[in-house]
């Protein structure tokens, strides 16, 4: 039986196929390891960012600056923009606009 199998299958070809498989398998493992290392580095960097923000907050707390409470009261761009109803309620007369333009030196 073994002789019949050896006649139908070339042992050299089988050995070469297995060696190629091992080589490609090693490449795949190395690539997977590199990808895992890169992902670990990326996730570690995000942890460092959180840690640095915590350190900044701790330093600000130590010197008595409270940002979180003041940030809620800070003006935002949306609050500073006039709304459509406010602009119609507080219309400026043409004379007032002309007076301001003359004061700026625009004819």
N, C-alpha and C. Protein backbone atom coordinates (compact mmCIF):
# COMPACT_ATOMS: atom_id res chain seq x y z
N UNK A 1 0.82 -1.19 0.00
CA UNK A 1 0.00 0.00 0.00
C UNK A 1 0.87 1.25 0.00
N UNK A 2 1.89 1.27 0.81
CA UNK A 2 2.79 2.42 0.86
C UNK A 2 3.48 2.63 -0.48
N UNK A 3 3.85 1.58 -1.14
CA UNK A 3 4.50 1.71 -2.45
C UNK A 3 3.52 2.31 -3.45
N UNK A 4 2.27 1.92 -3.38
CA UNK A 4 1.26 2.46 -4.30
C UNK A 4 1.05 3.95 -4.04
N UNK A 5 1.02 4.33 -2.78
CA UNK A 5 0.85 5.75 -2.44
C UNK A 5 2.08 6.53 -2.89
N UNK A 6 3.27 6.01 -2.68
CA UNK A 6 4.50 6.70 -3.09
C UNK A 6 4.56 6.87 -4.60
N UNK A 7 4.02 5.91 -5.34
CA UNK A 7 4.02 6.03 -6.80
C UNK A 7 3.07 7.14 -7.25
N UNK A 8 1.96 7.29 -6.54
CA UNK A 8 0.97 8.31 -6.94
C UNK A 8 1.34 9.69 -6.42
N UNK A 9 1.96 9.75 -5.23
CA UNK A 9 2.34 11.04 -4.64
C UNK A 9 3.85 11.15 -4.63
N UNK A 10 4.33 12.30 -5.08
CA UNK A 10 5.76 12.54 -5.08
C UNK A 10 6.17 13.07 -3.70
N UNK A 11 7.01 12.35 -2.96
CA UNK A 11 7.39 12.80 -1.62
C UNK A 11 8.13 14.15 -1.63
N UNK A 12 8.90 14.41 -2.67
CA UNK A 12 9.62 15.68 -2.77
C UNK A 12 8.64 16.86 -2.91
N UNK A 13 7.60 16.64 -3.72
CA UNK A 13 6.60 17.68 -3.91
C UNK A 13 5.84 17.94 -2.61
N UNK A 14 5.52 16.87 -1.89
CA UNK A 14 4.82 17.01 -0.63
C UNK A 14 5.68 17.75 0.39
N UNK A 15 6.96 17.43 0.44
CA UNK A 15 7.89 18.11 1.34
C UNK A 15 7.98 19.60 1.00
N UNK A 16 8.07 19.92 -0.28
CA UNK A 16 8.15 21.31 -0.71
C UNK A 16 6.85 22.07 -0.35
N UNK A 17 5.72 21.42 -0.53
CA UNK A 17 4.44 22.04 -0.19
C UNK A 17 4.37 22.32 1.31
N UNK A 18 4.81 21.39 2.11
CA UNK A 18 4.80 21.58 3.56
C UNK A 18 5.76 22.68 3.99
N UNK A 19 6.91 22.78 3.36
CA UNK A 19 7.86 23.84 3.69
C UNK A 19 7.29 25.21 3.32
N UNK A 20 6.64 25.29 2.16
CA UNK A 20 6.00 26.54 1.76
C UNK A 20 4.90 26.93 2.75
N UNK A 21 4.15 25.94 3.19
CA UNK A 21 3.09 26.20 4.16
C UNK A 21 3.68 26.75 5.47
N UNK A 22 4.75 26.13 5.96
CA UNK A 22 5.38 26.59 7.18
C UNK A 22 5.91 28.02 7.03
N UNK A 23 6.50 28.30 5.87
CA UNK A 23 7.03 29.64 5.61
C UNK A 23 5.92 30.69 5.62
N UNK A 24 4.82 30.40 4.93
CA UNK A 24 3.70 31.34 4.87
C UNK A 24 3.03 31.48 6.24
N UNK A 25 2.97 30.40 6.99
CA UNK A 25 2.40 30.43 8.33
C UNK A 25 3.23 31.33 9.25
N UNK A 26 4.55 31.24 9.14
CA UNK A 26 5.43 32.10 9.93
C UNK A 26 5.24 33.57 9.55
N UNK A 27 5.09 33.86 8.26
CA UNK A 27 4.84 35.23 7.81
C UNK A 27 3.55 35.76 8.41
N UNK A 28 2.52 34.92 8.39
CA UNK A 28 1.23 35.33 8.92
C UNK A 28 1.33 35.61 10.42
N UNK A 29 2.05 34.77 11.15
CA UNK A 29 2.20 34.99 12.59
C UNK A 29 2.95 36.28 12.88
N UNK A 30 3.98 36.57 12.09
CA UNK A 30 4.74 37.81 12.28
C UNK A 30 3.87 39.03 11.98
N UNK A 31 3.09 38.96 10.93
CA UNK A 31 2.20 40.06 10.58
C UNK A 31 1.16 40.27 11.68
N UNK A 32 0.61 39.20 12.18
CA UNK A 32 -0.38 39.29 13.25
C UNK A 32 0.23 39.91 14.50
N UNK A 33 1.47 39.53 14.81
CA UNK A 33 2.15 40.08 15.97
C UNK A 33 2.40 41.58 15.81
N UNK A 34 2.79 41.99 14.60
CA UNK A 34 3.03 43.42 14.34
C UNK A 34 1.73 44.21 14.46
N UNK A 35 0.65 43.67 13.95
CA UNK A 35 -0.64 44.35 14.04
C UNK A 35 -1.07 44.47 15.50
N UNK A 36 -0.91 43.41 16.26
CA UNK A 36 -1.27 43.44 17.68
C UNK A 36 -0.43 44.45 18.45
N UNK A 37 0.88 44.52 18.13
CA UNK A 37 1.74 45.49 18.79
C UNK A 37 1.31 46.92 18.47
N UNK A 38 0.97 47.15 17.20
CA UNK A 38 0.53 48.49 16.79
C UNK A 38 -0.77 48.86 17.49
N UNK A 39 -1.71 47.94 17.55
CA UNK A 39 -2.97 48.22 18.24
C UNK A 39 -2.74 48.47 19.73
N UNK A 40 -1.85 47.71 20.34
CA UNK A 40 -1.54 47.92 21.75
C UNK A 40 -0.94 49.31 21.97
N UNK A 41 -0.04 49.73 21.07
CA UNK A 41 0.56 51.06 21.18
C UNK A 41 -0.50 52.14 21.05
N UNK A 42 -1.44 51.96 20.13
CA UNK A 42 -2.48 52.96 19.93
C UNK A 42 -3.35 53.07 21.18
N UNK A 43 -3.75 51.94 21.73
CA UNK A 43 -4.60 51.97 22.92
C UNK A 43 -3.84 52.48 24.13
N UNK A 44 -2.55 52.19 24.22
CA UNK A 44 -1.75 52.71 25.33
C UNK A 44 -1.63 54.22 25.22
N UNK A 45 -1.52 54.75 24.00
CA UNK A 45 -1.40 56.19 23.80
C UNK A 45 -2.66 56.90 24.27
N UNK A 46 -3.83 56.31 24.03
CA UNK A 46 -5.06 56.94 24.49
C UNK A 46 -5.13 56.94 26.01
N UNK A 47 -4.59 55.92 26.65
CA UNK A 47 -4.54 55.90 28.11
C UNK A 47 -3.62 57.00 28.63
N UNK A 48 -2.51 57.24 27.93
CA UNK A 48 -1.59 58.29 28.33
C UNK A 48 -2.25 59.65 28.21
N UNK A 49 -3.08 59.84 27.20
CA UNK A 49 -3.77 61.11 27.03
C UNK A 49 -4.71 61.36 28.20
N UNK A 50 -5.44 60.34 28.61
CA UNK A 50 -6.34 60.48 29.75
C UNK A 50 -5.54 60.77 31.02
N UNK A 51 -4.41 60.09 31.18
CA UNK A 51 -3.57 60.31 32.35
C UNK A 51 -3.03 61.74 32.36
N UNK A 52 -2.61 62.25 31.21
CA UNK A 52 -2.08 63.61 31.15
C UNK A 52 -3.17 64.62 31.46
N UNK A 53 -4.40 64.38 31.01
CA UNK A 53 -5.51 65.27 31.32
C UNK A 53 -5.80 65.25 32.81
N UNK A 54 -5.71 64.07 33.43
CA UNK A 54 -5.91 63.97 34.87
C UNK A 54 -4.84 64.75 35.62
N UNK A 55 -3.61 64.68 35.15
CA UNK A 55 -2.51 65.42 35.79
C UNK A 55 -2.73 66.91 35.66
N UNK A 56 -3.14 67.37 34.48
CA UNK A 56 -3.42 68.79 34.28
C UNK A 56 -4.53 69.25 35.21
N UNK A 57 -5.59 68.48 35.31
CA UNK A 57 -6.69 68.82 36.21
C UNK A 57 -6.24 68.86 37.66
N UNK A 58 -5.38 67.93 38.04
CA UNK A 58 -4.88 67.89 39.41
C UNK A 58 -4.06 69.14 39.70
N UNK A 59 -3.19 69.53 38.77
CA UNK A 59 -2.37 70.73 38.96
C UNK A 59 -3.25 71.97 39.06
N UNK A 60 -4.25 72.07 38.17
CA UNK A 60 -5.15 73.22 38.22
C UNK A 60 -5.93 73.26 39.53
N UNK A 61 -6.32 72.10 40.03
CA UNK A 61 -7.01 72.05 41.32
C UNK A 61 -6.09 72.50 42.45
N UNK A 62 -4.81 72.12 42.37
CA UNK A 62 -3.87 72.49 43.42
C UNK A 62 -3.64 73.99 43.46
N UNK A 63 -3.63 74.65 42.30
CA UNK A 63 -3.40 76.09 42.31
C UNK A 63 -4.69 76.88 42.41
N UNK A 64 -5.80 76.18 42.54
CA UNK A 64 -7.05 76.83 42.82
C UNK A 64 -7.84 77.28 41.61
N UNK A 65 -7.57 76.74 40.46
CA UNK A 65 -8.32 77.10 39.26
C UNK A 65 -9.33 76.00 39.00
N UNK A 66 -10.58 76.38 38.96
CA UNK A 66 -11.63 75.41 38.68
C UNK A 66 -12.19 75.71 37.30
N UNK A 67 -11.87 74.84 36.36
CA UNK A 67 -12.29 75.07 34.97
C UNK A 67 -13.71 74.59 34.74
N UNK A 68 -14.06 73.46 35.32
CA UNK A 68 -15.36 72.87 35.00
C UNK A 68 -16.52 73.78 35.36
N UNK A 69 -16.45 74.44 36.49
CA UNK A 69 -17.54 75.33 36.89
C UNK A 69 -17.59 76.59 36.04
N UNK A 70 -16.44 77.11 35.66
CA UNK A 70 -16.38 78.33 34.88
C UNK A 70 -16.73 78.10 33.42
N UNK A 71 -16.45 76.91 32.93
CA UNK A 71 -16.73 76.61 31.52
C UNK A 71 -18.23 76.60 31.25
N UNK A 72 -19.01 76.23 32.24
CA UNK A 72 -20.46 76.20 32.03
C UNK A 72 -21.03 77.60 31.89
N UNK A 73 -20.37 78.57 32.55
CA UNK A 73 -20.84 79.96 32.49
C UNK A 73 -20.23 80.74 31.34
N UNK A 74 -19.24 80.17 30.67
CA UNK A 74 -18.54 80.88 29.59
C UNK A 74 -19.47 81.10 28.41
N UNK A 75 -19.34 82.24 27.75
CA UNK A 75 -20.20 82.48 26.58
C UNK A 75 -19.81 81.57 25.44
N UNK A 76 -20.80 81.12 24.72
CA UNK A 76 -20.52 80.28 23.56
C UNK A 76 -20.86 81.06 22.31
N UNK A 77 -20.43 80.54 21.18
CA UNK A 77 -20.68 81.23 19.90
C UNK A 77 -22.18 81.30 19.62
N UNK A 78 -22.92 80.27 20.00
CA UNK A 78 -24.35 80.26 19.73
C UNK A 78 -25.08 81.31 20.55
N UNK A 79 -24.60 81.57 21.78
CA UNK A 79 -25.26 82.57 22.62
C UNK A 79 -24.96 83.98 22.13
N UNK A 80 -23.80 84.18 21.51
CA UNK A 80 -23.41 85.52 21.08
C UNK A 80 -24.06 85.96 19.78
N UNK A 81 -24.63 85.05 19.04
CA UNK A 81 -25.23 85.40 17.76
C UNK A 81 -26.65 85.91 17.96
N UNK A 82 -27.01 86.99 17.28
CA UNK A 82 -28.38 87.46 17.43
C UNK A 82 -29.34 86.54 16.70
N UNK A 83 -30.49 86.37 17.29
CA UNK A 83 -31.49 85.53 16.64
C UNK A 83 -32.33 86.39 15.71
N UNK A 84 -33.11 85.75 14.89
CA UNK A 84 -33.92 86.47 13.92
C UNK A 84 -34.95 87.34 14.62
N UNK A 85 -35.53 86.89 15.72
CA UNK A 85 -36.54 87.67 16.42
C UNK A 85 -35.90 88.88 17.09
N UNK A 86 -34.67 88.75 17.58
CA UNK A 86 -34.00 89.87 18.23
C UNK A 86 -33.64 90.94 17.22
N UNK A 87 -33.26 90.53 16.01
CA UNK A 87 -32.88 91.52 15.01
C UNK A 87 -34.08 92.30 14.52
N UNK A 88 -35.24 91.69 14.45
CA UNK A 88 -36.43 92.43 14.01
C UNK A 88 -36.96 93.30 15.13
N UNK A 89 -36.77 92.90 16.39
CA UNK A 89 -37.27 93.69 17.51
C UNK A 89 -36.43 94.94 17.72
N UNK A 90 -35.14 94.84 17.48
CA UNK A 90 -34.25 95.98 17.69
C UNK A 90 -33.75 96.48 16.34
N UNK A 91 -34.62 97.01 15.53
CA UNK A 91 -34.21 97.52 14.23
C UNK A 91 -33.57 98.87 14.39
N UNK A 92 -32.56 99.10 13.58
CA UNK A 92 -31.85 100.38 13.59
C UNK A 92 -32.36 101.19 12.41
N UNK A 93 -32.60 102.43 12.67
CA UNK A 93 -33.12 103.28 11.59
C UNK A 93 -32.04 103.58 10.57
N UNK A 94 -32.46 103.96 9.38
CA UNK A 94 -31.53 104.29 8.31
C UNK A 94 -30.66 105.48 8.71
N UNK A 95 -31.25 106.43 9.41
CA UNK A 95 -30.50 107.61 9.83
C UNK A 95 -29.36 107.23 10.77
N UNK A 96 -29.65 106.29 11.68
CA UNK A 96 -28.64 105.84 12.62
C UNK A 96 -27.49 105.15 11.89
N UNK A 97 -27.81 104.33 10.90
CA UNK A 97 -26.77 103.64 10.11
C UNK A 97 -25.93 104.66 9.35
N UNK A 98 -26.60 105.65 8.74
CA UNK A 98 -25.87 106.67 8.00
C UNK A 98 -24.97 107.48 8.92
N UNK A 99 -25.44 107.79 10.12
CA UNK A 99 -24.64 108.54 11.08
C UNK A 99 -23.40 107.75 11.48
N UNK A 100 -23.55 106.44 11.71
CA UNK A 100 -22.42 105.61 12.08
C UNK A 100 -21.42 105.50 10.93
N UNK A 101 -21.92 105.40 9.70
CA UNK A 101 -21.03 105.33 8.54
C UNK A 101 -20.24 106.62 8.38
N UNK A 102 -20.89 107.78 8.58
CA UNK A 102 -20.19 109.07 8.49
C UNK A 102 -19.14 109.19 9.58
N UNK A 103 -19.44 108.68 10.77
CA UNK A 103 -18.48 108.73 11.86
C UNK A 103 -17.26 107.88 11.55
N UNK A 104 -17.46 106.81 10.78
CA UNK A 104 -16.34 105.96 10.37
C UNK A 104 -15.62 106.50 9.15
N UNK A 105 -16.19 107.53 8.53
CA UNK A 105 -15.55 108.12 7.36
C UNK A 105 -15.95 107.46 6.06
N UNK A 106 -17.03 106.72 6.05
CA UNK A 106 -17.52 106.06 4.84
C UNK A 106 -18.69 106.88 4.31
N UNK A 107 -18.62 107.24 3.02
CA UNK A 107 -19.72 108.02 2.44
C UNK A 107 -20.79 107.16 1.85
